[in-house]
């Protein structure tokens, strides 16, 4: 039998492959319109989605546009593929001037569209930060500060994107409104629990059921500090988003071309092909990463002991989007490095306490855990003992949110580079 870590990495790779745009786009492309086709988009998969459209769109049909993706996430261009869609790069998860410029250009490209035209919108996770166009009265520096506060707060993706929509001139359905009277077709790759297109990249082309009042409640719940002018604008409702039933969405359509559940199912099928039982817990798991890890560890320990509903040899899979609330640090203490997947793995290692027969991998399917250069990390029965031999205590690293510093000396970081897709967290526990 292949070694456990190789098996886990294979399952992760299968999940990523299932979500690549070129494998999933053809069935959802509309026919070319009477007028022109304008491609607009944002997200970590934006470059790959644009290339998929370029490869599949008829060469004799007009095609142009602009898509923004994360720095370093534009895939190499296949030989012979004509470049008809411009791809630019910007910062994620904290927006920058390049993202602001891209959003301004995207909005400008919607000017002059007619009812004969088609706007093909390519939306994937990460688009909220990459497609940055603050509401009137909010500068880029303030938007960056609010974003940093949100990322450290422990707010879930739905809450963060609710606030982002109401502080934007392009999110929350406003891009679709700007495209009128053209028809809008949105192709999206889901990175959110429940696959709600209004949450993915803050839903720039779909109706928004959330309200300014909801955004105010989130500010209060997580003690996000904003100027009085922002509070007053939200209280007045002047920044309200287009709602379900609005005529600006008439004739528009949304197609989900890749989802977390599809990737988990592909991984489960690969596990069964290796002679393992495969179980999918859910593709919608949320909560603090370290707390979610405790539940996963309890299930793995039970399976290792021949108890519970999971029969070994097996793999237990899950997806979703957990959160990390950054712990306050003493003055002068450097903050740790890491992301959701690494935090989960530290919590899992601590809870498993060297349980024999259990290995695990957690990684983000975009290839980047937080803002680091790793996708995630792996856990083995000897993780804690190897760490102790190096003088590292997992509890200390958890206190500093320092997954990178814990797993790098062990050689247990999962490093893939950008994958050019994004269906969120992937977690696999192997019980032999």
Protein backbone atom coordinates (compact mmCIF):
# COMPACT_ATOMS: atom_id res chain seq x y z
CA UNK A 1 0.00 0.00 0.00
CA UNK A 2 1.23 3.52 -0.80
CA UNK A 3 2.36 5.45 2.25
CA UNK A 4 -0.41 7.41 4.03
CA UNK A 5 0.90 10.88 3.24
CA UNK A 6 1.13 10.12 -0.47
CA UNK A 7 -2.41 8.74 -0.39
CA UNK A 8 -3.72 11.90 1.25
CA UNK A 9 -1.93 14.17 -1.18
CA UNK A 10 -3.42 12.17 -4.08
CA UNK A 11 -6.92 12.69 -2.69
CA UNK A 12 -6.29 16.44 -2.41
CA UNK A 13 -4.98 16.57 -5.99
CA UNK A 14 -8.07 14.76 -7.26
CA UNK A 15 -10.31 17.27 -5.48
CA UNK A 16 -8.46 20.17 -7.09
CA UNK A 17 -8.51 18.62 -10.56
CA UNK A 18 -12.29 18.18 -10.36
CA UNK A 19 -12.68 21.94 -9.85
CA UNK A 20 -10.42 23.20 -12.67
CA UNK A 21 -12.32 25.57 -15.00
CA UNK A 22 -11.36 23.91 -18.29
CA UNK A 23 -13.02 20.67 -17.12
CA UNK A 24 -16.29 22.37 -16.21
CA UNK A 25 -17.00 25.35 -18.44
CA UNK A 26 -18.14 24.02 -21.84
CA UNK A 27 -21.55 22.76 -20.70
CA UNK A 28 -22.50 26.17 -19.30
CA UNK A 29 -21.43 28.54 -22.07
CA UNK A 30 -24.27 30.39 -23.84
CA UNK A 31 -24.38 30.78 -27.60
CA UNK A 32 -22.77 33.94 -29.00
CA UNK A 33 -25.20 36.88 -29.08
CA UNK A 34 -26.27 39.10 -31.96
CA UNK A 35 -24.01 41.83 -30.61
CA UNK A 36 -20.69 41.56 -28.82
CA UNK A 37 -19.60 39.44 -25.86
CA UNK A 38 -17.90 41.18 -22.96
CA UNK A 39 -16.15 39.03 -20.35
CA UNK A 40 -15.77 40.49 -16.85
CA UNK A 41 -14.67 38.72 -13.72
CA UNK A 42 -12.77 38.45 -10.48
CA UNK A 43 -11.40 35.72 -8.25
CA UNK A 44 -8.49 33.40 -7.61
CA UNK A 45 -9.68 31.19 -10.48
CA UNK A 46 -10.19 34.19 -12.76
CA UNK A 47 -7.17 33.63 -14.98
CA UNK A 48 -7.95 29.97 -15.54
CA UNK A 49 -11.63 30.71 -16.13
CA UNK A 50 -10.73 33.34 -18.74
CA UNK A 51 -8.43 30.89 -20.54
CA UNK A 52 -11.17 28.25 -20.52
CA UNK A 53 -13.59 30.66 -22.18
CA UNK A 54 -10.96 31.68 -24.74
CA UNK A 55 -10.30 28.03 -25.59
CA UNK A 56 -14.00 27.19 -25.95
CA UNK A 57 -15.46 30.33 -27.54
CA UNK A 58 -15.81 30.31 -31.35
CA UNK A 59 -12.88 32.07 -32.99
CA UNK A 60 -15.20 33.91 -35.40
CA UNK A 61 -17.35 35.36 -32.58
CA UNK A 62 -16.32 38.70 -30.99
CA UNK A 63 -14.85 38.30 -27.51
CA UNK A 64 -13.12 40.80 -25.23
CA UNK A 65 -12.99 41.76 -21.59
CA UNK A 66 -11.09 42.12 -18.34
CA UNK A 67 -10.66 39.74 -15.41
CA UNK A 68 -8.73 40.34 -12.18
CA UNK A 69 -7.05 37.57 -10.20
CA UNK A 70 -4.62 37.32 -7.31
CA UNK A 71 -0.92 38.07 -7.74
CA UNK A 72 0.81 34.96 -9.08
CA UNK A 73 -2.45 33.18 -9.94
CA UNK A 74 -2.48 33.68 -13.71
CA UNK A 75 -1.76 30.26 -15.25
CA UNK A 76 0.77 29.85 -18.06
CA UNK A 77 -0.88 30.46 -21.42
CA UNK A 78 -1.18 27.32 -23.56
CA UNK A 79 0.72 27.52 -26.83
CA UNK A 80 -1.44 28.74 -29.67
CA UNK A 81 -4.28 30.05 -27.48
CA UNK A 82 -5.16 33.58 -28.68
CA UNK A 83 -5.41 36.17 -25.91
CA UNK A 84 -8.79 37.86 -26.19
CA UNK A 85 -9.48 38.57 -22.50
CA UNK A 86 -7.10 40.74 -20.50
CA UNK A 87 -6.11 39.33 -17.12
CA UNK A 88 -4.66 41.63 -14.46
CA UNK A 89 -3.48 40.84 -10.93
CA UNK A 90 -4.15 42.45 -7.57
CA UNK A 91 -3.86 41.80 -3.84
CA UNK A 92 -5.76 39.28 -1.70
CA UNK A 93 -6.98 39.11 1.07
CA UNK A 94 -6.35 42.82 1.72
CA UNK A 95 -7.22 44.94 -1.35
CA UNK A 96 -4.75 47.29 -3.02
CA UNK A 97 -4.61 50.05 -5.62
CA UNK A 98 -4.30 47.53 -8.47
CA UNK A 99 -7.61 45.94 -7.47
CA UNK A 100 -9.22 49.36 -7.23
CA UNK A 101 -7.99 50.27 -10.72
CA UNK A 102 -9.22 46.95 -12.13
CA UNK A 103 -12.68 47.43 -10.61
CA UNK A 104 -12.89 50.95 -12.03
CA UNK A 105 -11.93 49.66 -15.49
CA UNK A 106 -14.46 46.83 -15.28
CA UNK A 107 -17.24 49.26 -14.44
CA UNK A 108 -16.16 51.54 -17.31
CA UNK A 109 -16.33 48.64 -19.77
CA UNK A 110 -20.06 48.29 -19.08
CA UNK A 111 -20.75 51.73 -20.60
CA UNK A 112 -22.55 51.59 -23.92
CA UNK A 113 -23.79 48.01 -23.72
CA UNK A 114 -26.98 47.24 -25.64
CA UNK A 115 -29.74 44.67 -25.46
CA UNK A 116 -27.99 42.73 -28.24
CA UNK A 117 -24.86 42.27 -26.13
CA UNK A 118 -23.87 39.51 -23.72
CA UNK A 119 -21.85 39.99 -20.54
CA UNK A 120 -20.18 36.79 -19.40
CA UNK A 121 -19.15 37.19 -15.75
CA UNK A 122 -16.52 34.81 -14.33
CA UNK A 123 -16.76 34.80 -10.53
CA UNK A 124 -14.75 32.81 -8.00
CA UNK A 125 -13.61 33.03 -4.41
CA UNK A 126 -11.33 35.91 -3.57
CA UNK A 127 -13.27 38.30 -5.77
CA UNK A 128 -14.40 40.36 -2.79
CA UNK A 129 -10.87 41.63 -2.18
CA UNK A 130 -9.81 41.69 -5.82
CA UNK A 131 -12.84 43.64 -7.06
CA UNK A 132 -12.48 46.69 -4.83
CA UNK A 133 -14.53 49.79 -5.52
CA UNK A 134 -15.44 51.47 -2.21
CA UNK A 135 -18.70 53.31 -1.71
CA UNK A 136 -18.63 57.10 -2.02
CA UNK A 137 -16.88 58.59 0.98
CA UNK A 138 -14.74 55.50 1.66
CA UNK A 139 -11.10 55.61 0.57
CA UNK A 140 -8.87 52.64 -0.15
CA UNK A 141 -7.01 52.95 3.16
CA UNK A 142 -10.25 52.79 5.15
CA UNK A 143 -11.45 49.82 3.09
CA UNK A 144 -8.14 48.05 3.79
CA UNK A 145 -8.43 48.76 7.51
CA UNK A 146 -11.99 47.41 7.68
CA UNK A 147 -10.91 44.32 5.76
CA UNK A 148 -8.03 43.63 8.15
CA UNK A 149 -10.36 43.98 11.12
CA UNK A 150 -12.82 41.54 9.56
CA UNK A 151 -10.11 38.97 8.82
CA UNK A 152 -8.97 39.04 12.47
CA UNK A 153 -12.46 39.09 13.97
CA UNK A 154 -13.63 35.50 13.52
CA UNK A 155 -16.58 36.57 11.36
CA UNK A 156 -17.68 33.93 8.87
CA UNK A 157 -17.61 34.47 5.12
CA UNK A 158 -21.31 35.30 4.88
CA UNK A 159 -20.96 38.03 7.51
CA UNK A 160 -17.79 39.46 5.99
CA UNK A 161 -19.29 39.61 2.52
CA UNK A 162 -22.54 41.15 3.77
CA UNK A 163 -20.53 44.09 5.06
CA UNK A 164 -18.33 44.23 1.98
CA UNK A 165 -21.38 44.41 -0.30
CA UNK A 166 -22.80 47.41 1.50
CA UNK A 167 -19.51 49.30 1.42
CA UNK A 168 -19.03 48.83 -2.33
CA UNK A 169 -20.09 50.39 -5.65
CA UNK A 170 -19.70 47.13 -7.60
CA UNK A 171 -20.58 44.20 -5.31
CA UNK A 172 -24.00 43.00 -4.15
CA UNK A 173 -25.58 43.00 -7.62
CA UNK A 174 -24.33 46.44 -8.62
CA UNK A 175 -22.16 45.14 -11.47
CA UNK A 176 -25.22 43.47 -13.02
CA UNK A 177 -27.16 46.71 -12.71
CA UNK A 178 -24.35 48.53 -14.51
CA UNK A 179 -24.54 46.05 -17.41
CA UNK A 180 -28.16 46.89 -18.30
CA UNK A 181 -29.67 46.47 -20.83
CA UNK A 182 -27.29 43.66 -21.84
CA UNK A 183 -27.97 40.07 -20.84
CA UNK A 184 -25.72 38.79 -18.05
CA UNK A 185 -24.64 35.16 -17.68
CA UNK A 186 -22.59 34.39 -14.58
CA UNK A 187 -20.31 31.36 -14.38
CA UNK A 188 -19.14 30.80 -10.83
CA UNK A 189 -16.93 28.47 -8.83
CA UNK A 190 -18.21 28.12 -5.29
CA UNK A 191 -15.95 28.63 -2.29
CA UNK A 192 -18.70 29.16 0.29
CA UNK A 193 -20.80 26.82 2.43
CA UNK A 194 -24.16 26.28 0.74
CA UNK A 195 -22.95 27.50 -2.69
CA UNK A 196 -24.94 30.74 -2.39
CA UNK A 197 -23.97 32.89 -5.42
CA UNK A 198 -24.84 36.05 -3.50
CA UNK A 199 -21.98 35.29 -1.08
CA UNK A 200 -19.33 34.12 -3.57
CA UNK A 201 -17.07 37.15 -4.17
CA UNK A 202 -19.85 39.22 -2.54
CA UNK A 203 -22.22 38.51 -5.44
CA UNK A 204 -21.47 41.34 -7.90
CA UNK A 205 -24.00 40.06 -10.46
CA UNK A 206 -26.81 38.58 -8.34
CA UNK A 207 -29.54 39.99 -6.08
CA UNK A 208 -28.68 40.66 -2.44
CA UNK A 209 -31.24 39.84 0.25
CA UNK A 210 -29.10 41.25 3.07
CA UNK A 211 -29.60 44.83 4.23
CA UNK A 212 -27.76 47.84 5.57
CA UNK A 213 -29.23 46.93 8.95
CA UNK A 214 -27.57 43.52 8.71
CA UNK A 215 -24.25 45.20 7.92
CA UNK A 216 -24.62 47.48 10.95
CA UNK A 217 -25.32 44.48 13.18
CA UNK A 218 -22.11 42.79 11.95
CA UNK A 219 -20.08 45.92 12.72
CA UNK A 220 -21.46 45.86 16.25
CA UNK A 221 -21.14 42.09 16.75
CA UNK A 222 -17.44 42.04 15.94
CA UNK A 223 -16.58 45.51 17.24
CA UNK A 224 -15.36 46.68 13.82
CA UNK A 225 -14.19 50.25 14.16
CA UNK A 226 -15.44 52.57 11.39
CA UNK A 227 -15.92 56.35 11.11
CA UNK A 228 -19.23 57.91 12.08
CA UNK A 229 -19.88 58.76 8.42
CA UNK A 230 -19.98 55.04 7.55
CA UNK A 231 -22.43 54.34 10.37
CA UNK A 232 -24.67 57.20 9.25
CA UNK A 233 -24.66 56.03 5.62
CA UNK A 234 -25.66 52.51 6.64
CA UNK A 235 -28.31 53.81 9.03
CA UNK A 236 -29.83 55.94 6.29
CA UNK A 237 -29.92 53.03 3.83
CA UNK A 238 -28.24 55.08 1.11
CA UNK A 239 -25.87 52.18 0.41
CA UNK A 240 -28.64 49.59 0.01
CA UNK A 241 -28.05 46.88 -2.62
CA UNK A 242 -30.36 45.70 -5.47
CA UNK A 243 -32.81 43.14 -4.07
CA UNK A 244 -34.40 39.90 -5.36
CA UNK A 245 -37.14 40.76 -7.82
CA UNK A 246 -35.41 43.87 -9.11
CA UNK A 247 -35.88 44.32 -12.87
CA UNK A 248 -32.09 44.81 -13.30
CA UNK A 249 -31.75 41.02 -13.05
CA UNK A 250 -34.42 40.18 -15.65
CA UNK A 251 -33.18 37.56 -18.11
CA UNK A 252 -29.94 36.98 -16.21
CA UNK A 253 -28.72 33.49 -15.30
CA UNK A 254 -26.17 31.92 -12.95
CA UNK A 255 -24.37 28.62 -13.50
CA UNK A 256 -22.38 26.90 -10.76
CA UNK A 257 -19.57 25.20 -12.69
CA UNK A 258 -17.67 23.71 -9.74
CA UNK A 259 -18.56 23.17 -6.07
CA UNK A 260 -16.92 21.82 -2.91
CA UNK A 261 -19.28 18.84 -2.83
CA UNK A 262 -18.28 17.78 -6.34
CA UNK A 263 -14.62 17.83 -5.35
CA UNK A 264 -15.26 15.85 -2.17
CA UNK A 265 -17.20 13.25 -4.15
CA UNK A 266 -14.35 12.93 -6.64
CA UNK A 267 -11.90 12.46 -3.77
CA UNK A 268 -14.17 9.86 -2.17
CA UNK A 269 -14.33 7.91 -5.44
CA UNK A 270 -10.53 7.96 -5.65
CA UNK A 271 -10.29 6.64 -2.08
CA UNK A 272 -12.65 3.78 -2.85
CA UNK A 273 -10.53 2.93 -5.89
CA UNK A 274 -7.63 2.49 -3.43
CA UNK A 275 -9.65 0.00 -1.39
CA UNK A 276 -10.71 2.43 1.35
CA UNK A 277 -14.13 3.13 2.74
CA UNK A 278 -14.90 6.81 2.13
CA UNK A 279 -17.18 9.06 4.15
CA UNK A 280 -18.08 12.70 3.49
CA UNK A 281 -19.10 14.56 6.64
CA UNK A 282 -20.23 17.75 4.89
CA UNK A 283 -19.06 20.41 2.47
CA UNK A 284 -20.52 23.16 4.70
CA UNK A 285 -18.56 22.91 7.95
CA UNK A 286 -17.93 26.25 9.64
CA UNK A 287 -16.65 27.38 13.03
CA UNK A 288 -13.31 28.03 14.70
CA UNK A 289 -10.68 25.86 13.00
CA UNK A 290 -9.23 24.48 16.24
CA UNK A 291 -12.71 23.61 17.57
CA UNK A 292 -13.74 21.92 14.32
CA UNK A 293 -10.50 19.94 14.62
CA UNK A 294 -11.53 18.56 18.02
CA UNK A 295 -14.71 17.09 16.56
CA UNK A 296 -12.81 15.58 13.64
CA UNK A 297 -10.26 14.10 16.03
CA UNK A 298 -13.00 12.44 18.10
CA UNK A 299 -14.41 10.79 14.98
CA UNK A 300 -10.98 9.59 13.87
CA UNK A 301 -10.12 8.17 17.31
CA UNK A 302 -13.40 6.26 17.40
CA UNK A 303 -12.77 4.82 13.92
CA UNK A 304 -9.21 3.84 14.91
CA UNK A 305 -10.63 1.90 17.88
CA UNK A 306 -13.26 0.17 15.75
CA UNK A 307 -16.07 2.23 17.23
CA UNK A 308 -18.61 4.59 15.71
CA UNK A 309 -20.10 4.64 12.21
CA UNK A 310 -16.86 4.69 10.20
CA UNK A 311 -15.26 1.34 9.38
CA UNK A 312 -11.50 1.31 8.82
CA UNK A 313 -9.55 1.32 6.61
CA UNK A 314 -11.26 4.55 5.67
CA UNK A 315 -10.91 8.18 4.77
CA UNK A 316 -13.14 10.81 6.38
CA UNK A 317 -13.58 13.91 4.22
CA UNK A 318 -14.99 17.36 4.87
CA UNK A 319 -15.09 20.84 3.37
CA UNK A 320 -16.48 24.28 4.11
CA UNK A 321 -14.87 27.41 5.47
CA UNK A 322 -13.67 27.56 9.04
CA UNK A 323 -12.43 30.70 10.75
CA UNK A 324 -9.44 31.76 12.83
CA UNK A 325 -9.86 34.41 15.51
CA UNK A 326 -6.43 35.92 16.09
CA UNK A 327 -5.36 35.75 19.73
CA UNK A 328 -4.13 38.94 21.45
CA UNK A 329 -0.35 38.85 21.86
CA UNK A 330 1.89 40.51 24.47
CA UNK A 331 3.40 43.78 23.30
CA UNK A 332 6.52 43.11 21.27
CA UNK A 333 5.62 39.48 20.54
CA UNK A 334 5.59 38.77 16.80
CA UNK A 335 2.34 37.32 15.51
CA UNK A 336 2.50 33.83 14.12
CA UNK A 337 2.01 32.84 10.50
CA UNK A 338 -0.65 30.54 9.18
CA UNK A 339 -4.19 30.08 7.91
CA UNK A 340 -7.34 28.07 8.52
CA UNK A 341 -5.95 24.74 7.31
CA UNK A 342 -2.78 24.96 9.40
CA UNK A 343 -4.75 26.01 12.47
CA UNK A 344 -7.03 23.01 11.95
CA UNK A 345 -4.03 20.68 11.72
CA UNK A 346 -2.51 22.04 14.93
CA UNK A 347 -5.82 21.57 16.73
CA UNK A 348 -6.15 18.08 15.28
CA UNK A 349 -2.64 17.05 16.32
CA UNK A 350 -3.24 18.34 19.84
CA UNK A 351 -6.58 16.50 20.12
CA UNK A 352 -5.33 13.23 18.60
CA UNK A 353 -2.37 13.08 21.01
CA UNK A 354 -0.44 10.70 18.75
CA UNK A 355 -3.33 8.33 18.08
CA UNK A 356 -1.92 5.38 16.17
CA UNK A 357 -3.27 4.61 12.73
CA UNK A 358 -4.50 8.16 11.98
CA UNK A 359 -3.03 10.54 9.39
CA UNK A 360 -4.59 13.75 8.08
CA UNK A 361 -4.23 16.52 5.54
CA UNK A 362 -5.98 19.89 5.50
CA UNK A 363 -5.38 22.38 2.72
CA UNK A 364 -7.06 25.18 0.85
CA UNK A 365 -7.94 24.18 -2.70
CA UNK A 366 -6.56 27.44 -4.07
CA UNK A 367 -3.09 26.38 -2.92
CA UNK A 368 -2.71 29.24 -0.41
CA UNK A 369 -3.46 28.91 3.31
CA UNK A 370 -4.19 32.44 4.45
CA UNK A 371 -1.42 34.57 2.94
CA UNK A 372 1.39 32.01 3.17
CA UNK A 373 3.13 30.00 0.44
CA UNK A 374 1.68 26.68 1.59
CA UNK A 375 -1.76 25.20 0.92
CA UNK A 376 -1.97 23.58 4.35
CA UNK A 377 -0.31 20.88 6.40
CA UNK A 378 -0.29 17.18 7.27
CA UNK A 379 -0.61 15.36 10.59
CA UNK A 380 0.80 11.92 11.47
CA UNK A 381 0.85 9.77 14.62
CA UNK A 382 4.36 11.02 15.38
CA UNK A 383 3.71 14.74 14.75
CA UNK A 384 3.75 15.76 18.41
CA UNK A 385 6.75 13.61 19.33
CA UNK A 386 8.80 15.01 16.43
CA UNK A 387 7.79 18.54 17.42
CA UNK A 388 8.79 17.92 21.04
CA UNK A 389 12.19 16.66 19.91
CA UNK A 390 12.67 20.03 18.18
CA UNK A 391 11.54 21.98 21.24
CA UNK A 392 8.14 22.97 19.85
CA UNK A 393 4.88 22.79 21.83
CA UNK A 394 1.69 22.79 19.83
CA UNK A 395 -0.17 24.69 22.56
CA UNK A 396 2.31 27.57 22.31
CA UNK A 397 1.93 27.74 18.54
CA UNK A 398 -1.86 27.66 18.83
CA UNK A 399 -1.72 30.61 21.20
CA UNK A 400 0.25 32.56 18.58
CA UNK A 401 -1.81 31.27 15.62
CA UNK A 402 1.54 30.05 14.28
CA UNK A 403 0.80 26.97 12.19
CA UNK A 404 3.50 27.80 9.66
CA UNK A 405 6.15 27.98 12.37
CA UNK A 406 4.98 24.67 13.84
CA UNK A 407 4.80 22.56 10.69
CA UNK A 408 7.67 23.98 8.61
CA UNK A 409 10.48 22.57 10.83
CA UNK A 410 8.73 19.18 10.68
CA UNK A 411 8.66 19.21 6.88
CA UNK A 412 4.88 18.79 7.05
CA UNK A 413 3.69 21.82 5.12
CA UNK A 414 1.67 21.02 1.99
CA UNK A 415 3.08 23.22 -0.77
CA UNK A 416 1.39 23.20 -4.18
CA UNK A 417 1.64 26.73 -5.54
CA UNK A 418 -1.50 28.38 -6.96
CA UNK A 419 -3.93 25.76 -8.27
CA UNK A 420 -5.97 28.18 -10.43
CA UNK A 421 -9.26 27.17 -8.83
CA UNK A 422 -10.91 27.58 -5.43
CA UNK A 423 -13.57 25.38 -3.83
CA UNK A 424 -12.42 26.20 -0.32
CA UNK A 425 -11.17 23.99 2.51
CA UNK A 426 -10.31 20.34 1.91
CA UNK A 427 -9.81 18.03 4.88
CA UNK A 428 -9.07 14.31 4.82
CA UNK A 429 -8.39 11.95 7.73
CA UNK A 430 -6.99 8.52 6.89
CA UNK A 431 -7.63 5.75 9.42
CA UNK A 432 -5.78 2.48 8.86
